[in-house]
PDB file of N, CA and C in Angstrom:
ATOM      1  N   MET A   1     130.098 116.275  78.923  1.00  0.00           N
ATOM      2  CA  MET A   1     128.838 115.915  79.529  1.00  0.00           C
ATOM      3  C   MET A   1     128.075 117.192  79.864  1.00  0.00           C
ATOM      4  N   MET A   2     126.766 117.112  79.778  1.00  0.00           N
ATOM      5  CA  MET A   2     125.882 118.217  80.085  1.00  0.00           C
ATOM      6  C   MET A   2     124.814 117.710  81.059  1.00  0.00           C
ATOM      7  N   LYS A   3     124.481 118.506  82.056  1.00  0.00           N
ATOM      8  CA  LYS A   3     123.428 118.141  82.993  1.00  0.00           C
ATOM      9  C   LYS A   3     122.240 119.063  82.737  1.00  0.00           C
ATOM     10  N   ILE A   4     121.075 118.457  82.562  1.00  0.00           N
ATOM     11  CA  ILE A   4     119.855 119.214  82.278  1.00  0.00           C
ATOM     12  C   ILE A   4     118.914 119.060  83.469  1.00  0.00           C
ATOM     13  N   THR A   5     118.386 120.168  83.943  1.00  0.00           N
ATOM     14  CA  THR A   5     117.423 120.151  85.034  1.00  0.00           C
ATOM     15  C   THR A   5     116.059 120.517  84.459  1.00  0.00           C
ATOM     16  N   LEU A   6     115.071 119.735  84.802  1.00  0.00           N
ATOM     17  CA  LEU A   6     113.709 119.955  84.337  1.00  0.00           C
ATOM     18  C   LEU A   6     112.838 120.159  85.567  1.00  0.00           C
ATOM     19  N   GLU A   7     112.216 121.309  85.669  1.00  0.00           N
ATOM     20  CA  GLU A   7     111.335 121.596  86.797  1.00  0.00           C
ATOM     21  C   GLU A   7     109.892 121.430  86.353  1.00  0.00           C
ATOM     22  N   ILE A   8     109.146 120.627  87.091  1.00  0.00           N
ATOM     23  CA  ILE A   8     107.753 120.362  86.744  1.00  0.00           C
ATOM     24  C   ILE A   8     106.859 121.030  87.774  1.00  0.00           C
ATOM     25  N   ASP A   9     105.994 121.919  87.315  1.00  0.00           N
ATOM     26  CA  ASP A   9     105.105 122.647  88.207  1.00  0.00           C
ATOM     27  C   ASP A   9     103.716 122.031  88.283  1.00  0.00           C
ATOM     28  N   ASP A  10     103.236 121.466  87.211  1.00  0.00           N
ATOM     29  CA  ASP A  10     101.883 120.927  87.176  1.00  0.00           C
ATOM     30  C   ASP A  10     101.943 119.546  86.532  1.00  0.00           C
ATOM     31  N   LEU A  11     101.494 118.542  87.249  1.00  0.00           N
ATOM     32  CA  LEU A  11     101.587 117.171  86.775  1.00  0.00           C
ATOM     33  C   LEU A  11     100.293 116.441  87.088  1.00  0.00           C
ATOM     34  N   ASP A  12      99.800 115.670  86.147  1.00  0.00           N
ATOM     35  CA  ASP A  12      98.634 114.821  86.384  1.00  0.00           C
ATOM     36  C   ASP A  12      99.140 113.532  87.033  1.00  0.00           C
ATOM     37  N   TYR A  13      99.180 113.529  88.358  1.00  0.00           N
ATOM     38  CA  TYR A  13      99.750 112.421  89.115  1.00  0.00           C
ATOM     39  C   TYR A  13      99.033 111.110  88.839  1.00  0.00           C
ATOM     40  N   GLY A  14      97.723 111.172  88.686  1.00  0.00           N
ATOM     41  CA  GLY A  14      96.967 109.962  88.406  1.00  0.00           C
ATOM     42  C   GLY A  14      97.399 109.298  87.114  1.00  0.00           C
ATOM     43  N   SER A  15      97.706 110.102  86.092  1.00  0.00           N
ATOM     44  CA  SER A  15      98.167 109.542  84.814  1.00  0.00           C
ATOM     45  C   SER A  15      99.524 108.876  84.952  1.00  0.00           C
ATOM     46  N   VAL A  16     100.400 109.466  85.765  1.00  0.00           N
ATOM     47  CA  VAL A  16     101.717 108.856  86.010  1.00  0.00           C
ATOM     48  C   VAL A  16     101.524 107.495  86.654  1.00  0.00           C
ATOM     49  N   VAL A  17     100.646 107.422  87.647  1.00  0.00           N
ATOM     50  CA  VAL A  17     100.378 106.151  88.323  1.00  0.00           C
ATOM     51  C   VAL A  17      99.785 105.138  87.350  1.00  0.00           C
ATOM     52  N   ALA A  18      98.800 105.546  86.571  1.00  0.00           N
ATOM     53  CA  ALA A  18      98.155 104.623  85.630  1.00  0.00           C
ATOM     54  C   ALA A  18      99.155 104.083  84.611  1.00  0.00           C
ATOM     55  N   ALA A  19     100.102 104.918  84.180  1.00  0.00           N
ATOM     56  CA  ALA A  19     101.064 104.503  83.158  1.00  0.00           C
ATOM     57  C   ALA A  19     102.193 103.636  83.715  1.00  0.00           C
ATOM     58  N   LEU A  20     102.669 103.943  84.926  1.00  0.00           N
ATOM     59  CA  LEU A  20     103.879 103.291  85.427  1.00  0.00           C
ATOM     60  C   LEU A  20     103.654 102.259  86.527  1.00  0.00           C
ATOM     61  N   LEU A  21     102.524 102.296  87.203  1.00  0.00           N
ATOM     62  CA  LEU A  21     102.281 101.392  88.323  1.00  0.00           C
ATOM     63  C   LEU A  21     102.359  99.910  87.961  1.00  0.00           C
ATOM     64  N   PRO A  22     101.814  99.478  86.832  1.00  0.00           N
ATOM     65  CA  PRO A  22     101.845  98.033  86.534  1.00  0.00           C
ATOM     66  C   PRO A  22     103.254  97.437  86.441  1.00  0.00           C
ATOM     67  N   THR A  23     104.264  98.244  86.220  1.00  0.00           N
ATOM     68  CA  THR A  23     105.620  97.707  86.023  1.00  0.00           C
ATOM     69  C   THR A  23     106.472  97.682  87.282  1.00  0.00           C
ATOM     70  N   VAL A  24     105.962  98.181  88.411  1.00  0.00           N
ATOM     71  CA  VAL A  24     106.824  98.312  89.582  1.00  0.00           C
ATOM     72  C   VAL A  24     106.474  97.387  90.748  1.00  0.00           C
ATOM     73  N   HIS A  25     105.502  96.527  90.597  1.00  0.00           N
ATOM     74  CA  HIS A  25     105.063  95.693  91.722  1.00  0.00           C
ATOM     75  C   HIS A  25     106.222  94.934  92.371  1.00  0.00           C
ATOM     76  N   GLU A  26     107.043  94.259  91.586  1.00  0.00           N
ATOM     77  CA  GLU A  26     108.156  93.481  92.134  1.00  0.00           C
ATOM     78  C   GLU A  26     109.188  94.388  92.792  1.00  0.00           C
ATOM     79  N   LYS A  27     109.434  95.541  92.204  1.00  0.00           N
ATOM     80  CA  LYS A  27     110.430  96.472  92.734  1.00  0.00           C
ATOM     81  C   LYS A  27     109.987  97.051  94.072  1.00  0.00           C
ATOM     82  N   LEU A  28     108.702  97.202  94.288  1.00  0.00           N
ATOM     83  CA  LEU A  28     108.198  97.773  95.531  1.00  0.00           C
ATOM     84  C   LEU A  28     108.434  96.852  96.714  1.00  0.00           C
ATOM     85  N   GLU A  29     108.430  95.547  96.474  1.00  0.00           N
ATOM     86  CA  GLU A  29     108.621  94.598  97.562  1.00  0.00           C
ATOM     87  C   GLU A  29     109.996  94.731  98.202  1.00  0.00           C
ATOM     88  N   LYS A  30     110.968  95.299  97.478  1.00  0.00           N
ATOM     89  CA  LYS A  30     112.337  95.439  97.974  1.00  0.00           C
ATOM     90  C   LYS A  30     112.622  96.847  98.483  1.00  0.00           C
ATOM     91  N   ASP A  31     111.609  97.684  98.621  1.00  0.00           N
ATOM     92  CA  ASP A  31     111.828  99.093  98.948  1.00  0.00           C
ATOM     93  C   ASP A  31     111.846  99.335 100.450  1.00  0.00           C
ATOM     94  N   ASP A  32     112.013 100.593 100.827  1.00  0.00           N
ATOM     95  CA  ASP A  32     112.279 101.021 102.194  1.00  0.00           C
ATOM     96  C   ASP A  32     111.081 101.109 103.124  1.00  0.00           C
ATOM     97  N   GLY A  33     109.880 100.987 102.630  1.00  0.00           N
ATOM     98  CA  GLY A  33     108.713 101.072 103.490  1.00  0.00           C
ATOM     99  C   GLY A  33     108.245 102.486 103.777  1.00  0.00           C
ATOM    100  N   SER A  34     108.578 103.440 102.923  1.00  0.00           N
ATOM    101  CA  SER A  34     108.119 104.814 103.095  1.00  0.00           C
ATOM    102  C   SER A  34     106.610 104.878 102.861  1.00  0.00           C
ATOM    103  N   VAL A  35     106.008 106.008 103.211  1.00  0.00           N
ATOM    104  CA  VAL A  35     104.566 106.184 103.020  1.00  0.00           C
ATOM    105  C   VAL A  35     104.188 105.978 101.558  1.00  0.00           C
ATOM    106  N   GLY A  36     104.950 106.597 100.657  1.00  0.00           N
ATOM    107  CA  GLY A  36     104.672 106.452  99.228  1.00  0.00           C
ATOM    108  C   GLY A  36     104.743 105.008  98.774  1.00  0.00           C
ATOM    109  N   THR A  37     105.737 104.273  99.263  1.00  0.00           N
ATOM    110  CA  THR A  37     105.888 102.864  98.894  1.00  0.00           C
ATOM    111  C   THR A  37     104.717 102.040  99.410  1.00  0.00           C
ATOM    112  N   LYS A  38     104.295 102.302 100.633  1.00  0.00           N
ATOM    113  CA  LYS A  38     103.160 101.560 101.193  1.00  0.00           C
ATOM    114  C   LYS A  38     101.887 101.810 100.391  1.00  0.00           C
ATOM    115  N   ILE A  39     101.664 103.062 100.011  1.00  0.00           N
ATOM    116  CA  ILE A  39     100.476 103.388  99.214  1.00  0.00           C
ATOM    117  C   ILE A  39     100.565 102.728  97.843  1.00  0.00           C
ATOM    118  N   LEU A  40     101.740 102.812  97.211  1.00  0.00           N
ATOM    119  CA  LEU A  40     101.903 102.186  95.889  1.00  0.00           C
ATOM    120  C   LEU A  40     101.677 100.685  95.955  1.00  0.00           C
ATOM    121  N   SER A  41     102.161 100.040  97.001  1.00  0.00           N
ATOM    122  CA  SER A  41     101.975  98.595  97.141  1.00  0.00           C
ATOM    123  C   SER A  41     100.495  98.242  97.171  1.00  0.00           C
ATOM    124  N   LYS A  42      99.710  99.055  97.859  1.00  0.00           N
ATOM    125  CA  LYS A  42      98.270  98.802  97.912  1.00  0.00           C
ATOM    126  C   LYS A  42      97.590  99.098  96.572  1.00  0.00           C
ATOM    127  N   LEU A  43      98.079 100.114  95.880  1.00  0.00           N
ATOM    128  CA  LEU A  43      97.476 100.491  94.600  1.00  0.00           C
ATOM    129  C   LEU A  43      97.732  99.456  93.506  1.00  0.00           C
ATOM    130  N   THR A  44      98.793  98.655  93.626  1.00  0.00           N
ATOM    131  CA  THR A  44      99.099  97.679  92.577  1.00  0.00           C
ATOM    132  C   THR A  44      98.014  96.624  92.417  1.00  0.00           C
ATOM    133  N   SER A  45      97.195  96.447  93.455  1.00  0.00           N
ATOM    134  CA  SER A  45      96.133  95.442  93.353  1.00  0.00           C
ATOM    135  C   SER A  45      94.880  95.999  92.666  1.00  0.00           C
ATOM    136  N   LEU A  46      94.873  97.300  92.402  1.00  0.00           N
ATOM    137  CA  LEU A  46      93.720  97.939  91.768  1.00  0.00           C
ATOM    138  C   LEU A  46      93.944  98.099  90.270  1.00  0.00           C
ATOM    139  N   SER A  47      92.870  98.315  89.552  1.00  0.00           N
ATOM    140  CA  SER A  47      93.018  98.607  88.128  1.00  0.00           C
ATOM    141  C   SER A  47      93.674  99.977  87.986  1.00  0.00           C
ATOM    142  N   PRO A  48      94.417 100.208  86.897  1.00  0.00           N
ATOM    143  CA  PRO A  48      95.080 101.509  86.716  1.00  0.00           C
ATOM    144  C   PRO A  48      94.122 102.694  86.790  1.00  0.00           C
ATOM    145  N   SER A  49      92.914 102.562  86.272  1.00  0.00           N
ATOM    146  CA  SER A  49      91.986 103.694  86.293  1.00  0.00           C
ATOM    147  C   SER A  49      91.522 104.011  87.713  1.00  0.00           C
ATOM    148  N   ILE A  50      91.299 102.990  88.537  1.00  0.00           N
ATOM    149  CA  ILE A  50      90.907 103.230  89.925  1.00  0.00           C
ATOM    150  C   ILE A  50      92.087 103.791  90.714  1.00  0.00           C
ATOM    151  N   ALA A  51      93.276 103.247  90.494  1.00  0.00           N
ATOM    152  CA  ALA A  51      94.477 103.758  91.153  1.00  0.00           C
ATOM    153  C   ALA A  51      94.691 105.229  90.802  1.00  0.00           C
ATOM    154  N   GLN A  52      94.456 105.567  89.555  1.00  0.00           N
ATOM    155  CA  GLN A  52      94.594 106.954  89.098  1.00  0.00           C
ATOM    156  C   GLN A  52      93.656 107.869  89.885  1.00  0.00           C
ATOM    157  N   LYS A  53      92.414 107.466  90.029  1.00  0.00           N
ATOM    158  CA  LYS A  53      91.439 108.276  90.765  1.00  0.00           C
ATOM    159  C   LYS A  53      91.810 108.391  92.239  1.00  0.00           C
ATOM    160  N   MET A  54      92.289 107.306  92.832  1.00  0.00           N
ATOM    161  CA  MET A  54      92.677 107.315  94.245  1.00  0.00           C
ATOM    162  C   MET A  54      93.842 108.270  94.481  1.00  0.00           C
ATOM    163  N   VAL A  55      94.837 108.231  93.604  1.00  0.00           N
ATOM    164  CA  VAL A  55      96.014 109.092  93.761  1.00  0.00           C
ATOM    165  C   VAL A  55      95.622 110.557  93.654  1.00  0.00           C
ATOM    166  N   ASN A  56      94.691 110.869  92.780  1.00  0.00           N
ATOM    167  CA  ASN A  56      94.261 112.260  92.626  1.00  0.00           C
ATOM    168  C   ASN A  56      93.576 112.806  93.876  1.00  0.00           C
ATOM    169  N   LEU A  57      93.160 111.934  94.791  1.00  0.00           N
ATOM    170  CA  LEU A  57      92.520 112.357  96.035  1.00  0.00           C
ATOM    171  C   LEU A  57      93.523 112.562  97.181  1.00  0.00           C
ATOM    172  N   LEU A  58      94.758 112.114  96.994  1.00  0.00           N
ATOM    173  CA  LEU A  58      95.780 112.209  98.044  1.00  0.00           C
ATOM    174  C   LEU A  58      96.326 113.628  98.167  1.00  0.00           C
ATOM    175  N   PRO A  59      96.905 113.960  99.324  1.00  0.00           N
ATOM    176  CA  PRO A  59      97.561 115.265  99.469  1.00  0.00           C
ATOM    177  C   PRO A  59      98.704 115.420  98.466  1.00  0.00           C
ATOM    178  N   ARG A  60      98.973 116.643  98.037  1.00  0.00           N
ATOM    179  CA  ARG A  60      99.994 116.927  97.023  1.00  0.00           C
ATOM    180  C   ARG A  60     101.368 116.377  97.419  1.00  0.00           C
ATOM    181  N   GLU A  61     101.724 116.476  98.695  1.00  0.00           N
ATOM    182  CA  GLU A  61     103.025 115.974  99.154  1.00  0.00           C
ATOM    183  C   GLU A  61     103.152 114.467  98.907  1.00  0.00           C
ATOM    184  N   THR A  62     102.088 113.731  99.187  1.00  0.00           N
ATOM    185  CA  THR A  62     102.090 112.282  98.957  1.00  0.00           C
ATOM    186  C   THR A  62     102.112 111.979  97.466  1.00  0.00           C
ATOM    187  N   GLN A  63     101.385 112.748  96.670  1.00  0.00           N
ATOM    188  CA  GLN A  63     101.415 112.576  95.211  1.00  0.00           C
ATOM    189  C   GLN A  63     102.829 112.782  94.689  1.00  0.00           C
ATOM    190  N   ASN A  64     103.516 113.805  95.189  1.00  0.00           N
ATOM    191  CA  ASN A  64     104.899 114.057  94.761  1.00  0.00           C
ATOM    192  C   ASN A  64     105.797 112.872  95.087  1.00  0.00           C
ATOM    193  N   GLU A  65     105.666 112.347  96.305  1.00  0.00           N
ATOM    194  CA  GLU A  65     106.491 111.215  96.713  1.00  0.00           C
ATOM    195  C   GLU A  65     106.237 109.999  95.828  1.00  0.00           C
ATOM    196  N   ILE A  66     104.974 109.741  95.528  1.00  0.00           N
ATOM    197  CA  ILE A  66     104.610 108.604  94.675  1.00  0.00           C
ATOM    198  C   ILE A  66     105.168 108.790  93.263  1.00  0.00           C
ATOM    199  N   ALA A  67     105.047 109.997  92.709  1.00  0.00           N
ATOM    200  CA  ALA A  67     105.560 110.262  91.362  1.00  0.00           C
ATOM    201  C   ALA A  67     107.064 110.059  91.304  1.00  0.00           C
ATOM    202  N   VAL A  68     107.780 110.551  92.310  1.00  0.00           N
ATOM    203  CA  VAL A  68     109.240 110.384  92.343  1.00  0.00           C
ATOM    204  C   VAL A  68     109.603 108.905  92.402  1.00  0.00           C
ATOM    205  N   LEU A  69     108.919 108.143  93.255  1.00  0.00           N
ATOM    206  CA  LEU A  69     109.190 106.701  93.350  1.00  0.00           C
ATOM    207  C   LEU A  69     108.954 106.002  92.014  1.00  0.00           C
ATOM    208  N   LEU A  70     107.807 106.282  91.390  1.00  0.00           N
ATOM    209  CA  LEU A  70     107.478 105.620  90.127  1.00  0.00           C
ATOM    210  C   LEU A  70     108.456 105.973  89.017  1.00  0.00           C
ATOM    211  N   ILE A  71     108.819 107.238  88.923  1.00  0.00           N
ATOM    212  CA  ILE A  71     109.744 107.654  87.869  1.00  0.00           C
ATOM    213  C   ILE A  71     111.124 107.036  88.091  1.00  0.00           C
ATOM    214  N   ASN A  72     111.620 107.080  89.325  1.00  0.00           N
ATOM    215  CA  ASN A  72     112.942 106.499  89.594  1.00  0.00           C
ATOM    216  C   ASN A  72     112.952 104.987  89.388  1.00  0.00           C
ATOM    217  N   LYS A  73     111.856 104.311  89.703  1.00  0.00           N
ATOM    218  CA  LYS A  73     111.810 102.857  89.512  1.00  0.00           C
ATOM    219  C   LYS A  73     111.641 102.467  88.041  1.00  0.00           C
ATOM    220  N   ASN A  74     111.236 103.409  87.211  1.00  0.00           N
ATOM    221  CA  ASN A  74     111.075 103.155  85.782  1.00  0.00           C
ATOM    222  C   ASN A  74     112.077 103.942  84.951  1.00  0.00           C
ATOM    223  N   LYS A  75     113.172 104.374  85.561  1.00  0.00           N
ATOM    224  CA  LYS A  75     114.085 105.266  84.847  1.00  0.00           C
ATOM    225  C   LYS A  75     114.685 104.624  83.603  1.00  0.00           C
ATOM    226  N   ASP A  76     114.969 103.336  83.620  1.00  0.00           N
ATOM    227  CA  ASP A  76     115.521 102.693  82.422  1.00  0.00           C
ATOM    228  C   ASP A  76     114.547 102.799  81.255  1.00  0.00           C
ATOM    229  N   LYS A  77     113.276 102.556  81.538  1.00  0.00           N
ATOM    230  CA  LYS A  77     112.245 102.627  80.507  1.00  0.00           C
ATOM    231  C   LYS A  77     112.088 104.072  79.999  1.00  0.00           C
ATOM    232  N   ILE A  78     112.119 105.032  80.911  1.00  0.00           N
ATOM    233  CA  ILE A  78     111.956 106.438  80.536  1.00  0.00           C
ATOM    234  C   ILE A  78     113.147 106.925  79.719  1.00  0.00           C
ATOM    235  N   VAL A  79     114.354 106.527  80.121  1.00  0.00           N
ATOM    236  CA  VAL A  79     115.559 106.898  79.358  1.00  0.00           C
ATOM    237  C   VAL A  79     115.481 106.317  77.951  1.00  0.00           C
ATOM    238  N   GLU A  80     115.041 105.065  77.837  1.00  0.00           N
ATOM    239  CA  GLU A  80     114.916 104.442  76.511  1.00  0.00           C
ATOM    240  C   GLU A  80     113.872 105.165  75.665  1.00  0.00           C
ATOM    241  N   MET A  81     112.747 105.558  76.271  1.00  0.00           N
ATOM    242  CA  MET A  81     111.720 106.284  75.526  1.00  0.00           C
ATOM    243  C   MET A  81     112.257 107.624  75.031  1.00  0.00           C
ATOM    244  N   ALA A  82     112.992 108.339  75.881  1.00  0.00           N
ATOM    245  CA  ALA A  82     113.564 109.633  75.486  1.00  0.00           C
ATOM    246  C   ALA A  82     114.601 109.446  74.381  1.00  0.00           C
ATOM    247  N   SER A  83     115.418 108.405  74.493  1.00  0.00           N
ATOM    248  CA  SER A  83     116.427 108.120  73.461  1.00  0.00           C
ATOM    249  C   SER A  83     115.764 107.772  72.132  1.00  0.00           C
ATOM    250  N   SER A  84     114.697 106.977  72.183  1.00  0.00           N
ATOM    251  CA  SER A  84     113.976 106.609  70.961  1.00  0.00           C
ATOM    252  C   SER A  84     113.359 107.835  70.302  1.00  0.00           C
ATOM    253  N   LEU A  85     112.775 108.712  71.096  1.00  0.00           N
ATOM    254  CA  LEU A  85     112.197 109.934  70.561  1.00  0.00           C
ATOM    255  C   LEU A  85     113.270 110.796  69.894  1.00  0.00           C
ATOM    256  N   ALA A  86     114.429 110.902  70.517  1.00  0.00           N
ATOM    257  CA  ALA A  86     115.531 111.679  69.928  1.00  0.00           C
ATOM    258  C   ALA A  86     115.960 111.067  68.596  1.00  0.00           C
ATOM    259  N   ARG A  87     116.091 109.735  68.564  1.00  0.00           N
ATOM    260  CA  ARG A  87     116.477 109.063  67.315  1.00  0.00           C
ATOM    261  C   ARG A  87     115.460 109.327  66.211  1.00  0.00           C
ATOM    262  N   GLU A  88     114.163 109.268  66.565  1.00  0.00           N
ATOM    263  CA  GLU A  88     113.105 109.545  65.580  1.00  0.00           C
ATOM    264  C   GLU A  88     113.230 110.948  65.008  1.00  0.00           C
ATOM    265  N   LYS A  89     113.735 111.877  65.803  1.00  0.00           N
ATOM    266  CA  LYS A  89     113.897 113.267  65.374  1.00  0.00           C
ATOM    267  C   LYS A  89     115.269 113.527  64.751  1.00  0.00           C
ATOM    268  N   GLY A  90     116.070 112.445  64.583  1.00  0.00           N
ATOM    269  CA  GLY A  90     117.377 112.581  63.955  1.00  0.00           C
ATOM    270  C   GLY A  90     118.462 113.113  64.877  1.00  0.00           C
ATOM    271  N   ILE A  91     118.260 112.993  66.175  1.00  0.00           N
ATOM    272  CA  ILE A  91     119.229 113.490  67.145  1.00  0.00           C
ATOM    273  C   ILE A  91     119.981 112.314  67.747  1.00  0.00           C
ATOM    274  N   SER A  92     121.292 112.369  67.667  1.00  0.00           N
ATOM    275  CA  SER A  92     122.127 111.335  68.261  1.00  0.00           C
ATOM    276  C   SER A  92     122.499 111.771  69.675  1.00  0.00           C
ATOM    277  N   VAL A  93     122.038 111.003  70.661  1.00  0.00           N
ATOM    278  CA  VAL A  93     122.298 111.349  72.055  1.00  0.00           C
ATOM    279  C   VAL A  93     122.347 110.078  72.894  1.00  0.00           C
ATOM    280  N   ARG A  94     123.174 110.107  73.927  1.00  0.00           N
ATOM    281  CA  ARG A  94     123.193 109.009  74.905  1.00  0.00           C
ATOM    282  C   ARG A  94     122.868 109.622  76.247  1.00  0.00           C
ATOM    283  N   ILE A  95     121.766 109.189  76.833  1.00  0.00           N
ATOM    284  CA  ILE A  95     121.352 109.695  78.141  1.00  0.00           C
ATOM    285  C   ILE A  95     121.985 108.804  79.188  1.00  0.00           C
ATOM    286  N   GLY A  96     122.816 109.397  80.017  1.00  0.00           N
ATOM    287  CA  GLY A  96     123.576 108.628  81.008  1.00  0.00           C
ATOM    288  C   GLY A  96     122.746 108.163  82.178  1.00  0.00           C
ATOM    289  N   ASP A  97     121.884 109.008  82.714  1.00  0.00           N
ATOM    290  CA  ASP A  97     121.136 108.652  83.905  1.00  0.00           C
ATOM    291  C   ASP A  97     119.931 109.573  84.054  1.00  0.00           C
ATOM    292  N   LEU A  98     119.027 109.149  84.876  1.00  0.00           N
ATOM    293  CA  LEU A  98     117.851 109.937  85.223  1.00  0.00           C
ATOM    294  C   LEU A  98     117.676 109.808  86.726  1.00  0.00           C
ATOM    295  N   ASP A  99     117.561 110.922  87.407  1.00  0.00           N
ATOM    296  CA  ASP A  99     117.350 110.906  88.861  1.00  0.00           C
ATOM    297  C   ASP A  99     116.337 111.983  89.183  1.00  0.00           C
ATOM    298  N   VAL A 100     115.270 111.602  89.863  1.00  0.00           N
ATOM    299  CA  VAL A 100     114.226 112.544  90.231  1.00  0.00           C
ATOM    300  C   VAL A 100     114.201 112.658  91.744  1.00  0.00           C
ATOM    301  N   GLN A 101     114.186 113.888  92.215  1.00  0.00           N
ATOM    302  CA  GLN A 101     114.145 114.156  93.663  1.00  0.00           C
ATOM    303  C   GLN A 101     113.144 115.260  93.936  1.00  0.00           C
ATOM    304  N   LEU A 102     112.656 115.286  95.163  1.00  0.00           N
ATOM    305  CA  LEU A 102     111.756 116.371  95.581  1.00  0.00           C
ATOM    306  C   LEU A 102     112.570 117.581  95.978  1.00  0.00           C
TER     307      LEU A 102
END
């Protein structure tokens, strides 16, 4: 087994929200009630483009929290996308898990 660490310095948080927000509404209802979760719950009622603009106006710390929540709640989908991309490139790989933390 190999563990890979990916450090992200610059991220378009609004794009992450626009891409992943529509799939997490049900998952948010079962979450811990953190600031990021509360904001995401409110954003689910907005169109992705408006949610994207709203997130870009938030403080960086809150954007980070929201991005981590969205990525972790969509990790199965992200792992499948990465696996599919590897297969397209002729690489045989099994990704065991994805965990994003601040």
